[in-house]
């Protein structure tokens, strides 16, 4: 079996063996850098009109399409308090 590769720095790494979610990044610094850039990308997309805040509220999970999401699902998961009210 080959070692997983960090999607941020593209280096192979040995995943932790302590349980929890599967490790995606080699270290916390790579995970934080990815999350920082993802937030910046989202801000740029909103500013450019490519994505609306309502579309983000409807997104059901990280991999879900931004269009066609269900605000009730997001609200029931506690992700978007008041999302139903904001989308009405």
C-alpha atoms as a PDB file:
ATOM      1  CA  UNK A   1       0.000   0.000   0.000  1.00  0.00           C
ATOM      2  CA  UNK A   2       1.312   3.457  -0.889  1.00  0.00           C
ATOM      3  CA  UNK A   3       1.373   6.299   1.598  1.00  0.00           C
ATOM      4  CA  UNK A   4      -1.369   8.916   1.217  1.00  0.00           C
ATOM      5  CA  UNK A   5      -0.345  12.267  -0.249  1.00  0.00           C
ATOM      6  CA  UNK A   6      -1.203  15.583   1.383  1.00  0.00           C
ATOM      7  CA  UNK A   7      -3.527  17.503  -0.985  1.00  0.00           C
ATOM      8  CA  UNK A   8      -1.935  20.806   0.084  1.00  0.00           C
ATOM      9  CA  UNK A   9       1.833  20.232  -0.031  1.00  0.00           C
ATOM     10  CA  UNK A  10       1.699  17.024  -2.113  1.00  0.00           C
ATOM     11  CA  UNK A  11       4.077  15.177   0.211  1.00  0.00           C
ATOM     12  CA  UNK A  12       3.463  11.572   1.218  1.00  0.00           C
ATOM     13  CA  UNK A  13       2.748  11.058   4.922  1.00  0.00           C
ATOM     14  CA  UNK A  14       2.039   8.319   7.426  1.00  0.00           C
ATOM     15  CA  UNK A  15      -1.492   8.758   8.785  1.00  0.00           C
ATOM     16  CA  UNK A  16      -2.022   8.753  12.530  1.00  0.00           C
ATOM     17  CA  UNK A  17      -3.136   5.492  14.082  1.00  0.00           C
ATOM     18  CA  UNK A  18      -5.132   6.889  16.983  1.00  0.00           C
ATOM     19  CA  UNK A  19      -8.552   6.693  15.359  1.00  0.00           C
ATOM     20  CA  UNK A  20     -10.995   9.440  14.532  1.00  0.00           C
ATOM     21  CA  UNK A  21     -11.664  10.678  11.011  1.00  0.00           C
ATOM     22  CA  UNK A  22      -9.304   9.592   8.245  1.00  0.00           C
ATOM     23  CA  UNK A  23      -6.357  12.000   8.091  1.00  0.00           C
ATOM     24  CA  UNK A  24      -6.303  14.029   4.866  1.00  0.00           C
ATOM     25  CA  UNK A  25      -3.407  16.417   5.498  1.00  0.00           C
ATOM     26  CA  UNK A  26       0.137  15.650   6.650  1.00  0.00           C
ATOM     27  CA  UNK A  27       0.068  18.245   9.426  1.00  0.00           C
ATOM     28  CA  UNK A  28      -2.097  20.909  11.019  1.00  0.00           C
ATOM     29  CA  UNK A  29      -0.290  23.715   9.155  1.00  0.00           C
ATOM     30  CA  UNK A  30      -1.336  22.225   5.785  1.00  0.00           C
ATOM     31  CA  UNK A  31      -4.941  21.775   6.934  1.00  0.00           C
ATOM     32  CA  UNK A  32      -5.092  25.364   8.218  1.00  0.00           C
ATOM     33  CA  UNK A  33      -3.542  26.735   4.997  1.00  0.00           C
ATOM     34  CA  UNK A  34      -6.117  24.813   2.929  1.00  0.00           C
ATOM     35  CA  UNK A  35      -9.006  26.097   5.055  1.00  0.00           C
ATOM     36  CA  UNK A  36      -7.671  29.693   4.920  1.00  0.00           C
ATOM     37  CA  UNK A  37      -7.438  29.592   1.121  1.00  0.00           C
ATOM     38  CA  UNK A  38     -10.856  27.960   0.840  1.00  0.00           C
ATOM     39  CA  UNK A  39     -12.402  30.821   2.827  1.00  0.00           C
ATOM     40  CA  UNK A  40     -10.574  33.367   0.646  1.00  0.00           C
ATOM     41  CA  UNK A  41     -11.810  31.596  -2.507  1.00  0.00           C
ATOM     42  CA  UNK A  42     -15.399  31.656  -1.197  1.00  0.00           C
ATOM     43  CA  UNK A  43     -15.139  35.391  -0.420  1.00  0.00           C
ATOM     44  CA  UNK A  44     -13.806  36.036  -3.933  1.00  0.00           C
ATOM     45  CA  UNK A  45     -16.612  33.963  -5.500  1.00  0.00           C
ATOM     46  CA  UNK A  46     -19.266  35.862  -3.539  1.00  0.00           C
ATOM     47  CA  UNK A  47     -17.702  39.204  -4.478  1.00  0.00           C
ATOM     48  CA  UNK A  48     -17.558  38.217  -8.165  1.00  0.00           C
ATOM     49  CA  UNK A  49     -21.158  36.985  -8.093  1.00  0.00           C
ATOM     50  CA  UNK A  50     -20.259  33.359  -8.850  1.00  0.00           C
ATOM     51  CA  UNK A  51     -21.791  32.074  -5.598  1.00  0.00           C
ATOM     52  CA  UNK A  52     -24.402  33.648  -3.349  1.00  0.00           C
ATOM     53  CA  UNK A  53     -24.553  33.390   0.429  1.00  0.00           C
ATOM     54  CA  UNK A  54     -27.927  31.635   0.007  1.00  0.00           C
ATOM     55  CA  UNK A  55     -26.255  28.935  -2.109  1.00  0.00           C
ATOM     56  CA  UNK A  56     -23.659  28.399   0.605  1.00  0.00           C
ATOM     57  CA  UNK A  57     -26.401  28.119   3.218  1.00  0.00           C
ATOM     58  CA  UNK A  58     -28.086  25.423   1.140  1.00  0.00           C
ATOM     59  CA  UNK A  59     -24.943  23.346   0.698  1.00  0.00           C
ATOM     60  CA  UNK A  60     -25.448  20.063   2.544  1.00  0.00           C
ATOM     61  CA  UNK A  61     -21.838  18.967   2.918  1.00  0.00           C
ATOM     62  CA  UNK A  62     -18.339  19.794   1.780  1.00  0.00           C
ATOM     63  CA  UNK A  63     -18.775  17.804  -1.450  1.00  0.00           C
ATOM     64  CA  UNK A  64     -22.361  18.830  -2.172  1.00  0.00           C
ATOM     65  CA  UNK A  65     -23.183  20.980  -5.184  1.00  0.00           C
ATOM     66  CA  UNK A  66     -23.990  24.566  -4.269  1.00  0.00           C
ATOM     67  CA  UNK A  67     -27.152  24.565  -6.335  1.00  0.00           C
ATOM     68  CA  UNK A  68     -30.181  22.531  -5.345  1.00  0.00           C
ATOM     69  CA  UNK A  69     -29.248  22.123  -1.687  1.00  0.00           C
ATOM     70  CA  UNK A  70     -31.832  21.962   1.063  1.00  0.00           C
ATOM     71  CA  UNK A  71     -31.811  24.695   3.716  1.00  0.00           C
ATOM     72  CA  UNK A  72     -33.841  22.506   6.069  1.00  0.00           C
ATOM     73  CA  UNK A  73     -31.068  19.894   6.060  1.00  0.00           C
ATOM     74  CA  UNK A  74     -28.402  22.501   6.846  1.00  0.00           C
ATOM     75  CA  UNK A  75     -30.592  24.034   9.546  1.00  0.00           C
ATOM     76  CA  UNK A  76     -31.335  20.643  11.119  1.00  0.00           C
ATOM     77  CA  UNK A  77     -27.594  19.942  11.328  1.00  0.00           C
ATOM     78  CA  UNK A  78     -27.090  23.234  13.143  1.00  0.00           C
ATOM     79  CA  UNK A  79     -24.843  24.665  10.439  1.00  0.00           C
ATOM     80  CA  UNK A  80     -26.908  27.672   9.458  1.00  0.00           C
ATOM     81  CA  UNK A  81     -28.993  28.996  12.309  1.00  0.00           C
ATOM     82  CA  UNK A  82     -31.856  30.914  10.752  1.00  0.00           C
ATOM     83  CA  UNK A  83     -31.078  29.643   7.236  1.00  0.00           C
ATOM     84  CA  UNK A  84     -34.744  28.878   6.608  1.00  0.00           C
ATOM     85  CA  UNK A  85     -35.682  32.411   7.590  1.00  0.00           C
ATOM     86  CA  UNK A  86     -32.895  33.927   5.437  1.00  0.00           C
ATOM     87  CA  UNK A  87     -33.947  31.946   2.354  1.00  0.00           C
ATOM     88  CA  UNK A  88     -37.702  32.556   2.653  1.00  0.00           C
END
